[in-house]
């Protein structure tokens, strides 16, 4: 095992416990299959053990609540390799995700200003503008790789929201560097568990990219401090920083990079999965189209429109339930703690999962069915539905992210009708906590005419989603 794996070593318990003996590397290769097998065999609490190394798993609302609310005992631990002491990699991974206790509370208060409601409304036109740029590049009758389109769209949008429209070239450069840095962190984090010979080369590249990224972000900070202050996340953070100087510049760089990394891919994947689900459920798409047409009549949405679009709200909730972009999280125990039948020592790794929770039949009947209207009557606890996490560490940008998703979907769906070619293979893979769309997801786009149908698809995404009958779907037309 790699020295970076972080799994604790402990003696075998004398009590009969729900432990599966196997390869811990198997979890890294297919986290969902591993978690699902453990849950089926043992229930809501289990452990995977290889030799003297053990990883603990806790599933469901009760344990989600315990882990997310007891922040004194369950500490956050950023998945990325920290890098050498005093290196850019170490500084870039020292943001909110790696902080705990009073330090986390203090820094979260300092950086929350850009995510307050009054600030979020101010980003509305920027989101709208970037979404219009994207749809102007599309043409009816073409086929898009919607996975790549949404990834590049959210890269552009996140870059400009975080770093500013007025410094567009530098903002996009920082965004591209951050995308590369995040991808390398995911890759190195996985290979550290499975003894991949390419790890050393990737690690060196990661350290090099961290140097470039830190330099670029500090260049942007210098521009903002020289008087080029805009209405973007960084500008608002700098204003808050000038009032509360407890956050130094190195920490500010770490915060801003981790915020970007957390926002970019999760939002891109959420858009991709939502468009996929809508393309495969013409009745739902027809219902949503009718709502958008009745409320907006083809016009761009204003901030006051968003809360009134209840079908859109249910569609997003259900999409983020059934295919949550963030699929699992982990914590490390700071002191001994009891969890179910286990007495966990300090330093134990505990994994808990949004994806597993969201697919529990006891919480969501027929959990693999995409059924937005379940939200007309369903009101789960904050620990039974947690696409943005929960507790004191709930995603600080949840409201901003939701606004971006809604505006983006509205403008795409107002202008274009999406369909997936018959028998397309659609695949998903959990990597470094996120549920990634794997490879190309082709979608044909036509001018929006309200005539929705679906084609049968294949691929391992079907282990998460039960689609309407394939033969009927090929013929079904929405009323």
Protein backbone atom coordinates (compact mmCIF):
# COMPACT_ATOMS: atom_id res chain seq x y z
CA UNK A 1 0.00 0.00 0.00
CA UNK A 2 1.12 3.55 -0.69
CA UNK A 3 2.29 5.71 2.18
CA UNK A 4 -0.32 8.22 1.02
CA UNK A 5 -3.29 5.87 1.39
CA UNK A 6 -4.09 7.01 4.92
CA UNK A 7 -5.64 3.71 6.02
CA UNK A 8 -5.05 2.97 9.69
CA UNK A 9 -3.41 -0.15 11.01
CA UNK A 10 -5.06 -1.87 13.94
CA UNK A 11 -5.25 -5.22 15.60
CA UNK A 12 -8.07 -7.60 14.79
CA UNK A 13 -11.13 -7.01 16.97
CA UNK A 14 -12.08 -9.73 19.45
CA UNK A 15 -15.78 -9.15 18.71
CA UNK A 16 -17.56 -10.75 15.74
CA UNK A 17 -17.94 -7.79 13.41
CA UNK A 18 -19.34 -7.16 9.91
CA UNK A 19 -15.98 -7.32 8.15
CA UNK A 20 -15.24 -8.46 4.61
CA UNK A 21 -11.69 -9.59 3.93
CA UNK A 22 -10.47 -8.62 0.49
CA UNK A 23 -8.38 -6.20 -1.53
CA UNK A 24 -8.74 -2.56 -0.54
CA UNK A 25 -7.55 -1.69 -4.05
CA UNK A 26 -10.87 -3.15 -5.23
CA UNK A 27 -12.63 -0.18 -3.69
CA UNK A 28 -10.45 2.21 -5.70
CA UNK A 29 -11.19 0.32 -8.92
CA UNK A 30 -14.98 0.28 -8.51
CA UNK A 31 -16.18 2.12 -5.39
CA UNK A 32 -19.88 1.64 -6.11
CA UNK A 33 -19.62 -2.13 -6.65
CA UNK A 34 -17.59 -2.45 -3.46
CA UNK A 35 -19.98 -0.33 -1.38
CA UNK A 36 -23.06 -2.08 -2.76
CA UNK A 37 -21.61 -5.52 -2.05
CA UNK A 38 -20.70 -4.53 1.52
CA UNK A 39 -24.17 -3.09 2.11
CA UNK A 40 -25.89 -6.19 0.73
CA UNK A 41 -23.75 -8.50 2.86
CA UNK A 42 -23.60 -6.57 6.13
CA UNK A 43 -26.17 -3.77 6.15
CA UNK A 44 -25.59 -0.16 7.12
CA UNK A 45 -22.17 -0.54 8.79
CA UNK A 46 -19.30 -2.62 7.49
CA UNK A 47 -15.56 -2.76 7.06
CA UNK A 48 -13.22 -3.90 4.32
CA UNK A 49 -9.99 -5.41 5.58
CA UNK A 50 -6.77 -6.42 3.86
CA UNK A 51 -4.17 -7.78 6.24
CA UNK A 52 -4.16 -5.37 9.17
CA UNK A 53 -5.48 -2.46 7.11
CA UNK A 54 -9.15 -1.66 7.50
CA UNK A 55 -11.54 0.86 5.94
CA UNK A 56 -14.96 1.47 7.50
CA UNK A 57 -18.21 2.11 5.63
CA UNK A 58 -21.41 3.66 6.98
CA UNK A 59 -24.60 3.88 4.93
CA UNK A 60 -27.87 5.72 5.44
CA UNK A 61 -29.23 8.83 7.18
CA UNK A 62 -28.46 7.80 10.77
CA UNK A 63 -24.75 7.44 10.13
CA UNK A 64 -24.60 10.33 7.67
CA UNK A 65 -25.90 12.51 10.48
CA UNK A 66 -23.45 11.14 13.02
CA UNK A 67 -20.48 11.71 10.72
CA UNK A 68 -21.54 15.12 9.41
CA UNK A 69 -22.59 16.63 12.74
CA UNK A 70 -19.86 15.26 15.01
CA UNK A 71 -17.11 17.34 13.44
CA UNK A 72 -14.97 17.09 16.56
CA UNK A 73 -14.50 13.35 16.07
CA UNK A 74 -14.90 13.00 12.29
CA UNK A 75 -12.39 15.20 10.50
CA UNK A 76 -12.44 16.16 6.84
CA UNK A 77 -9.51 14.95 4.82
CA UNK A 78 -9.02 16.27 1.30
CA UNK A 79 -8.52 13.44 -1.19
CA UNK A 80 -5.53 15.05 -2.94
CA UNK A 81 -1.89 14.24 -2.28
CA UNK A 82 -0.62 17.10 -0.12
CA UNK A 83 2.83 17.41 -1.68
CA UNK A 84 6.15 18.42 -0.06
CA UNK A 85 6.16 20.88 2.82
CA UNK A 86 6.12 24.54 1.69
CA UNK A 87 5.34 23.51 -1.92
CA UNK A 88 2.60 25.06 -4.09
CA UNK A 89 0.83 21.67 -4.03
CA UNK A 90 0.73 21.76 -0.23
CA UNK A 91 -0.63 25.32 -0.25
CA UNK A 92 -3.22 24.61 -2.96
CA UNK A 93 -4.61 21.70 -0.95
CA UNK A 94 -4.87 23.74 2.25
CA UNK A 95 -8.30 25.27 1.67
CA UNK A 96 -11.62 24.68 3.42
CA UNK A 97 -11.82 21.01 2.42
CA UNK A 98 -8.73 20.20 4.48
CA UNK A 99 -9.56 22.37 7.52
CA UNK A 100 -11.30 21.25 10.70
CA UNK A 101 -12.58 22.61 14.00
CA UNK A 102 -12.37 26.29 14.85
CA UNK A 103 -10.02 26.96 11.94
CA UNK A 104 -12.64 25.70 9.48
CA UNK A 105 -15.39 27.76 11.13
CA UNK A 106 -13.27 30.91 11.06
CA UNK A 107 -12.25 30.55 7.42
CA UNK A 108 -15.72 29.54 6.26
CA UNK A 109 -17.15 32.74 7.79
CA UNK A 110 -14.48 34.77 6.01
CA UNK A 111 -15.08 33.26 2.55
CA UNK A 112 -18.89 33.01 2.61
CA UNK A 113 -19.62 36.53 1.30
CA UNK A 114 -19.59 35.61 -2.44
CA UNK A 115 -22.19 32.91 -1.75
CA UNK A 116 -24.79 35.00 0.06
CA UNK A 117 -28.16 35.48 -1.65
CA UNK A 118 -27.52 39.13 -2.51
CA UNK A 119 -24.26 38.18 -4.22
CA UNK A 120 -25.73 35.21 -6.09
CA UNK A 121 -28.37 37.38 -7.76
CA UNK A 122 -25.50 39.49 -9.08
CA UNK A 123 -24.08 36.52 -11.02
CA UNK A 124 -27.36 35.91 -12.87
CA UNK A 125 -26.57 37.88 -16.02
CA UNK A 126 -23.07 36.41 -16.28
CA UNK A 127 -24.48 32.87 -16.19
CA UNK A 128 -27.09 33.82 -18.76
CA UNK A 129 -24.47 35.39 -21.01
CA UNK A 130 -22.15 32.38 -21.01
CA UNK A 131 -25.07 30.01 -21.62
CA UNK A 132 -26.10 32.13 -24.62
CA UNK A 133 -22.54 31.98 -25.96
CA UNK A 134 -22.69 28.19 -25.84
CA UNK A 135 -26.08 27.78 -27.52
CA UNK A 136 -25.12 30.24 -30.28
CA UNK A 137 -22.33 27.83 -31.22
CA UNK A 138 -24.80 24.96 -31.64
CA UNK A 139 -26.78 24.25 -34.79
CA UNK A 140 -29.95 22.21 -35.23
CA UNK A 141 -29.37 18.84 -36.84
CA UNK A 142 -25.91 18.35 -35.34
CA UNK A 143 -24.68 15.72 -32.91
CA UNK A 144 -22.84 16.85 -29.78
CA UNK A 145 -20.76 14.96 -27.25
CA UNK A 146 -22.83 16.33 -24.40
CA UNK A 147 -20.31 15.16 -21.80
CA UNK A 148 -17.52 17.19 -23.40
CA UNK A 149 -19.85 20.14 -24.12
CA UNK A 150 -20.98 20.42 -20.51
CA UNK A 151 -17.43 20.00 -19.19
CA UNK A 152 -16.13 22.80 -21.41
CA UNK A 153 -19.17 24.98 -20.75
CA UNK A 154 -18.82 24.71 -16.98
CA UNK A 155 -15.07 25.29 -17.27
CA UNK A 156 -15.77 28.56 -19.07
CA UNK A 157 -18.64 29.55 -16.80
CA UNK A 158 -16.85 28.73 -13.55
CA UNK A 159 -13.71 30.54 -14.71
CA UNK A 160 -15.63 33.72 -15.43
CA UNK A 161 -17.85 33.60 -12.34
CA UNK A 162 -14.90 32.96 -10.03
CA UNK A 163 -12.27 35.16 -11.67
CA UNK A 164 -14.22 37.73 -13.67
CA UNK A 165 -15.46 38.66 -17.12
CA UNK A 166 -13.11 41.63 -17.43
CA UNK A 167 -9.96 39.47 -17.22
CA UNK A 168 -11.30 36.78 -19.51
CA UNK A 169 -8.05 35.40 -20.94
CA UNK A 170 -6.36 35.02 -17.57
CA UNK A 171 -9.57 33.66 -16.02
CA UNK A 172 -9.84 30.97 -18.70
CA UNK A 173 -6.14 30.13 -18.35
CA UNK A 174 -6.59 29.65 -14.60
CA UNK A 175 -9.63 27.51 -15.31
CA UNK A 176 -7.72 25.27 -17.70
CA UNK A 177 -4.83 24.91 -15.26
CA UNK A 178 -7.27 24.09 -12.46
CA UNK A 179 -8.97 21.46 -14.62
CA UNK A 180 -5.60 19.82 -15.32
CA UNK A 181 -4.59 20.06 -11.65
CA UNK A 182 -7.85 18.47 -10.45
CA UNK A 183 -7.60 15.67 -13.04
CA UNK A 184 -4.03 14.89 -11.96
CA UNK A 185 -5.06 14.87 -8.29
CA UNK A 186 -7.80 12.36 -9.11
CA UNK A 187 -5.39 10.21 -11.13
CA UNK A 188 -2.57 10.25 -8.59
CA UNK A 189 -5.03 9.67 -5.74
CA UNK A 190 -6.34 6.51 -7.41
CA UNK A 191 -2.98 5.09 -8.51
CA UNK A 192 -1.59 5.63 -5.01
CA UNK A 193 -3.94 2.84 -3.93
CA UNK A 194 -3.19 0.38 -6.73
CA UNK A 195 0.60 0.61 -7.16
CA UNK A 196 0.61 1.97 -10.71
CA UNK A 197 4.14 2.47 -12.16
CA UNK A 198 3.03 5.72 -13.85
CA UNK A 199 2.31 7.33 -10.47
CA UNK A 200 5.76 8.91 -10.05
CA UNK A 201 5.60 10.61 -13.46
CA UNK A 202 2.06 11.86 -12.85
CA UNK A 203 3.05 13.08 -9.40
CA UNK A 204 5.93 15.15 -10.80
CA UNK A 205 3.61 16.65 -13.40
CA UNK A 206 1.09 17.43 -10.66
CA UNK A 207 3.73 19.37 -8.73
CA UNK A 208 4.70 21.30 -11.89
CA UNK A 209 1.09 22.23 -12.68
CA UNK A 210 0.61 23.35 -9.07
CA UNK A 211 3.49 25.82 -9.52
CA UNK A 212 1.90 27.29 -12.67
CA UNK A 213 -1.56 27.41 -11.13
CA UNK A 214 -0.48 29.17 -7.95
CA UNK A 215 1.47 31.72 -10.00
CA UNK A 216 -1.54 32.43 -12.25
CA UNK A 217 -3.95 32.87 -9.34
CA UNK A 218 -1.54 35.21 -7.58
CA UNK A 219 -1.28 37.20 -10.82
CA UNK A 220 -5.07 37.57 -10.82
CA UNK A 221 -5.05 38.63 -7.17
CA UNK A 222 -2.43 41.28 -7.98
CA UNK A 223 -4.60 42.60 -10.83
CA UNK A 224 -7.60 42.86 -8.53
CA UNK A 225 -5.56 44.63 -5.87
CA UNK A 226 -4.20 47.09 -8.44
CA UNK A 227 -7.70 48.46 -8.93
CA UNK A 228 -9.29 46.10 -11.46
CA UNK A 229 -12.02 45.00 -9.05
CA UNK A 230 -15.01 43.24 -10.57
CA UNK A 231 -18.15 41.53 -9.37
CA UNK A 232 -16.81 38.00 -9.23
CA UNK A 233 -16.10 35.52 -6.45
CA UNK A 234 -12.43 36.50 -6.16
CA UNK A 235 -13.19 40.23 -5.97
CA UNK A 236 -15.76 39.66 -3.22
CA UNK A 237 -13.32 37.43 -1.35
CA UNK A 238 -10.65 40.13 -1.53
CA UNK A 239 -13.06 42.71 -0.12
CA UNK A 240 -13.88 40.37 2.75
CA UNK A 241 -10.16 39.65 3.15
CA UNK A 242 -9.42 43.36 3.52
CA UNK A 243 -11.90 43.53 6.41
CA UNK A 244 -10.91 40.26 8.09
CA UNK A 245 -7.17 39.68 7.71
CA UNK A 246 -7.15 36.30 9.46
CA UNK A 247 -6.88 34.66 6.01
CA UNK A 248 -3.47 35.18 4.43
CA UNK A 249 -2.80 35.23 0.69
CA UNK A 250 -1.55 31.65 0.52
CA UNK A 251 -4.72 30.44 2.23
CA UNK A 252 -6.82 32.62 -0.07
CA UNK A 253 -5.23 30.96 -3.11
CA UNK A 254 -5.99 27.53 -1.61
CA UNK A 255 -9.61 28.47 -0.94
CA UNK A 256 -10.24 29.84 -4.41
CA UNK A 257 -8.65 26.89 -6.23
CA UNK A 258 -10.56 24.30 -4.18
CA UNK A 259 -13.81 26.23 -4.68
CA UNK A 260 -13.22 26.16 -8.42
CA UNK A 261 -12.34 22.48 -8.41
CA UNK A 262 -15.41 21.59 -6.36
CA UNK A 263 -17.76 23.61 -8.58
CA UNK A 264 -16.57 22.84 -12.08
CA UNK A 265 -16.90 19.08 -12.54
CA UNK A 266 -19.79 18.50 -10.15
CA UNK A 267 -21.90 21.05 -12.05
CA UNK A 268 -20.79 19.70 -15.43
CA UNK A 269 -21.70 16.14 -14.47
CA UNK A 270 -25.05 17.26 -13.02
CA UNK A 271 -25.93 18.93 -16.33
CA UNK A 272 -24.84 15.90 -18.35
CA UNK A 273 -26.83 13.46 -16.22
CA UNK A 274 -29.92 15.68 -16.20
CA UNK A 275 -29.92 16.02 -20.00
CA UNK A 276 -29.44 12.26 -20.30
CA UNK A 277 -32.37 11.53 -17.99
CA UNK A 278 -34.64 14.02 -19.74
CA UNK A 279 -33.75 12.58 -23.15
CA UNK A 280 -34.80 9.13 -21.92
CA UNK A 281 -38.04 10.28 -20.26
CA UNK A 282 -40.14 12.12 -22.86
CA UNK A 283 -43.17 12.47 -20.58
CA UNK A 284 -41.09 14.34 -18.01
CA UNK A 285 -39.46 16.45 -20.72
CA UNK A 286 -42.89 17.32 -22.10
CA UNK A 287 -44.05 18.41 -18.65
CA UNK A 288 -40.96 20.57 -18.19
CA UNK A 289 -41.27 22.08 -21.67
CA UNK A 290 -44.86 23.08 -20.94
CA UNK A 291 -43.79 24.80 -17.72
CA UNK A 292 -40.99 26.74 -19.40
CA UNK A 293 -43.25 27.76 -22.27
CA UNK A 294 -46.07 28.89 -19.97
CA UNK A 295 -43.84 30.89 -17.63
CA UNK A 296 -41.17 32.26 -19.95
CA UNK A 297 -42.61 32.06 -23.49
CA UNK A 298 -39.14 31.62 -24.93
CA UNK A 299 -37.64 34.58 -23.09
CA UNK A 300 -34.53 34.37 -20.88
CA UNK A 301 -35.33 33.83 -17.20
CA UNK A 302 -34.97 36.59 -14.65
CA UNK A 303 -34.03 35.85 -11.02
CA UNK A 304 -37.65 36.10 -9.89
CA UNK A 305 -38.67 33.34 -12.34
CA UNK A 306 -36.44 30.61 -10.94
CA UNK A 307 -38.27 29.83 -7.71
CA UNK A 308 -41.61 29.52 -9.52
CA UNK A 309 -40.45 26.80 -11.92
CA UNK A 310 -41.54 23.88 -9.77
CA UNK A 311 -41.23 21.13 -12.40
CA UNK A 312 -37.65 22.21 -13.10
CA UNK A 313 -36.95 22.14 -9.38
CA UNK A 314 -38.29 18.58 -9.08
CA UNK A 315 -36.36 17.43 -12.15
CA UNK A 316 -33.09 18.72 -10.71
CA UNK A 317 -33.76 17.23 -7.29
CA UNK A 318 -34.50 13.85 -8.81
CA UNK A 319 -31.53 13.96 -11.16
CA UNK A 320 -29.18 14.77 -8.27
CA UNK A 321 -30.77 11.98 -6.25
CA UNK A 322 -30.48 9.19 -8.78
CA UNK A 323 -27.15 10.23 -10.34
CA UNK A 324 -25.45 12.48 -7.77
CA UNK A 325 -22.27 14.05 -9.09
CA UNK A 326 -20.71 13.65 -5.64
CA UNK A 327 -21.13 9.96 -4.87
CA UNK A 328 -19.26 9.42 -1.61
CA UNK A 329 -17.22 11.28 0.99
CA UNK A 330 -14.78 10.21 3.65
CA UNK A 331 -13.63 11.30 7.07
CA UNK A 332 -10.84 10.37 9.44
CA UNK A 333 -11.52 9.90 13.13
CA UNK A 334 -9.66 12.40 15.30
CA UNK A 335 -10.27 10.36 18.45
CA UNK A 336 -11.83 7.00 19.34
CA UNK A 337 -15.54 6.83 18.57
CA UNK A 338 -18.32 4.25 18.53
CA UNK A 339 -20.08 3.69 15.21
CA UNK A 340 -22.63 0.90 15.08
CA UNK A 341 -20.95 -2.30 16.31
CA UNK A 342 -17.45 -0.87 15.86
CA UNK A 343 -15.18 0.90 18.31
CA UNK A 344 -13.17 3.02 15.89
CA UNK A 345 -9.66 4.07 16.88
CA UNK A 346 -8.25 7.51 16.17
CA UNK A 347 -6.99 7.66 12.59
CA UNK A 348 -9.64 5.34 11.12
CA UNK A 349 -10.91 6.09 7.61
CA UNK A 350 -14.72 6.15 7.33
CA UNK A 351 -16.53 6.28 3.98
CA UNK A 352 -20.16 7.33 3.64
CA UNK A 353 -22.12 7.69 0.45
CA UNK A 354 -24.72 9.99 -1.06
CA UNK A 355 -25.17 7.54 -3.94
CA UNK A 356 -25.89 4.60 -1.65
CA UNK A 357 -28.23 6.64 0.55
CA UNK A 358 -30.15 8.01 -2.44
CA UNK A 359 -30.77 4.46 -3.71
CA UNK A 360 -32.14 2.98 -0.49
CA UNK A 361 -35.64 1.55 -1.13
CA UNK A 362 -36.64 2.32 2.45
CA UNK A 363 -36.15 6.02 1.70
CA UNK A 364 -37.11 6.19 -1.97
CA UNK A 365 -39.54 3.57 -3.34
CA UNK A 366 -38.30 2.19 -6.67
CA UNK A 367 -35.07 4.15 -6.23
CA UNK A 368 -33.70 3.38 -9.71
CA UNK A 369 -36.70 5.04 -11.38
CA UNK A 370 -36.39 8.66 -12.48
CA UNK A 371 -39.62 10.00 -11.01
CA UNK A 372 -39.49 13.78 -10.36
CA UNK A 373 -43.06 13.85 -9.08
CA UNK A 374 -41.97 11.82 -6.04
CA UNK A 375 -40.91 15.25 -4.72
CA UNK A 376 -44.53 16.38 -4.58
CA UNK A 377 -44.90 14.26 -1.43
CA UNK A 378 -41.35 13.26 -0.46
CA UNK A 379 -39.64 15.36 2.19
CA UNK A 380 -36.49 13.51 3.26
CA UNK A 381 -34.28 14.63 6.11
CA UNK A 382 -31.11 16.61 5.29
CA UNK A 383 -29.16 13.40 5.88
CA UNK A 384 -31.32 11.25 3.59
CA UNK A 385 -30.89 13.62 0.63
CA UNK A 386 -27.52 15.29 0.45
CA UNK A 387 -26.28 16.10 -3.08
CA UNK A 388 -24.37 19.04 -1.59
CA UNK A 389 -23.27 17.27 1.58
CA UNK A 390 -24.68 18.30 4.93
CA UNK A 391 -24.07 19.72 8.36
CA UNK A 392 -21.54 22.45 9.07
CA UNK A 393 -19.54 21.44 6.00
CA UNK A 394 -22.40 21.56 3.49
CA UNK A 395 -21.19 22.89 0.13
CA UNK A 396 -20.76 26.64 0.54
CA UNK A 397 -21.71 27.18 -3.11
CA UNK A 398 -24.89 25.06 -3.17
CA UNK A 399 -27.26 27.97 -3.90
CA UNK A 400 -24.98 29.39 -6.60
CA UNK A 401 -24.56 25.98 -8.18
CA UNK A 402 -28.31 25.38 -8.25
CA UNK A 403 -28.89 28.76 -9.90
CA UNK A 404 -26.29 27.96 -12.57
CA UNK A 405 -27.86 24.58 -13.29
CA UNK A 406 -31.35 26.04 -13.62
CA UNK A 407 -30.41 28.91 -15.93
CA UNK A 408 -28.25 26.64 -18.08
CA UNK A 409 -30.96 24.00 -18.48
CA UNK A 410 -33.63 26.60 -19.21
CA UNK A 411 -31.71 28.20 -22.08
CA UNK A 412 -30.65 24.87 -23.59
CA UNK A 413 -34.11 23.34 -23.41
CA UNK A 414 -35.91 26.45 -24.65
CA UNK A 415 -33.91 26.38 -27.85
CA UNK A 416 -33.12 22.73 -28.54
CA UNK A 417 -34.63 19.25 -28.32
CA UNK A 418 -32.15 16.58 -27.24
CA UNK A 419 -32.16 12.88 -28.12
CA UNK A 420 -29.65 10.04 -27.82
CA UNK A 421 -29.05 7.82 -30.88
CA UNK A 422 -30.49 4.32 -30.50
CA UNK A 423 -28.30 1.73 -28.77
CA UNK A 424 -25.74 4.28 -27.59
CA UNK A 425 -23.60 2.94 -24.75
CA UNK A 426 -23.83 5.31 -21.78
CA UNK A 427 -21.41 4.54 -18.99
CA UNK A 428 -20.72 5.93 -15.53
CA UNK A 429 -17.81 5.43 -13.19
CA UNK A 430 -17.17 6.56 -9.63
CA UNK A 431 -13.71 8.12 -9.48
CA UNK A 432 -12.27 10.00 -6.50
CA UNK A 433 -15.70 10.58 -4.95
CA UNK A 434 -17.47 11.75 -8.15
CA UNK A 435 -19.85 9.93 -10.51
CA UNK A 436 -18.25 10.64 -13.89
CA UNK A 437 -19.87 10.13 -17.28
CA UNK A 438 -17.33 7.95 -19.08
CA UNK A 439 -16.38 8.77 -22.65
CA UNK A 440 -18.63 10.26 -25.30
CA UNK A 441 -22.36 10.69 -24.78
CA UNK A 442 -23.65 11.68 -28.23
CA UNK A 443 -26.82 13.73 -28.37
CA UNK A 444 -28.64 14.87 -31.48
CA UNK A 445 -30.04 18.37 -31.18
CA UNK A 446 -32.93 19.82 -33.14
CA UNK A 447 -34.78 23.10 -32.91
CA UNK A 448 -37.16 22.87 -29.96
CA UNK A 449 -40.56 21.76 -31.26
CA UNK A 450 -42.02 20.00 -28.23
CA UNK A 451 -42.07 16.60 -29.96
CA UNK A 452 -40.26 14.32 -27.55
CA UNK A 453 -39.38 10.65 -27.91
CA UNK A 454 -36.69 8.32 -26.59
CA UNK A 455 -34.42 5.64 -28.03
CA UNK A 456 -33.20 2.55 -26.17
CA UNK A 457 -29.68 2.84 -24.77
CA UNK A 458 -27.25 0.42 -23.15
CA UNK A 459 -24.24 0.73 -20.87
CA UNK A 460 -23.49 0.39 -17.18
CA UNK A 461 -25.45 3.52 -16.30
CA UNK A 462 -28.39 1.11 -16.24
CA UNK A 463 -27.19 -0.25 -12.89
CA UNK A 464 -28.19 3.13 -11.44
CA UNK A 465 -31.25 3.93 -13.56
CA UNK A 466 -34.17 1.79 -14.68
CA UNK A 467 -35.35 3.36 -17.93
CA UNK A 468 -38.83 3.00 -19.42
CA UNK A 469 -39.38 -0.21 -21.39
CA UNK A 470 -36.87 -0.09 -24.24
CA UNK A 471 -39.22 -1.17 -26.99
CA UNK A 472 -41.97 1.17 -25.84
CA UNK A 473 -39.50 4.01 -25.41
CA UNK A 474 -38.48 3.77 -29.03
CA UNK A 475 -42.07 4.38 -30.10
CA UNK A 476 -43.32 6.58 -27.28
CA UNK A 477 -44.31 10.13 -28.13
CA UNK A 478 -45.11 12.66 -25.49
CA UNK A 479 -48.59 14.08 -25.60
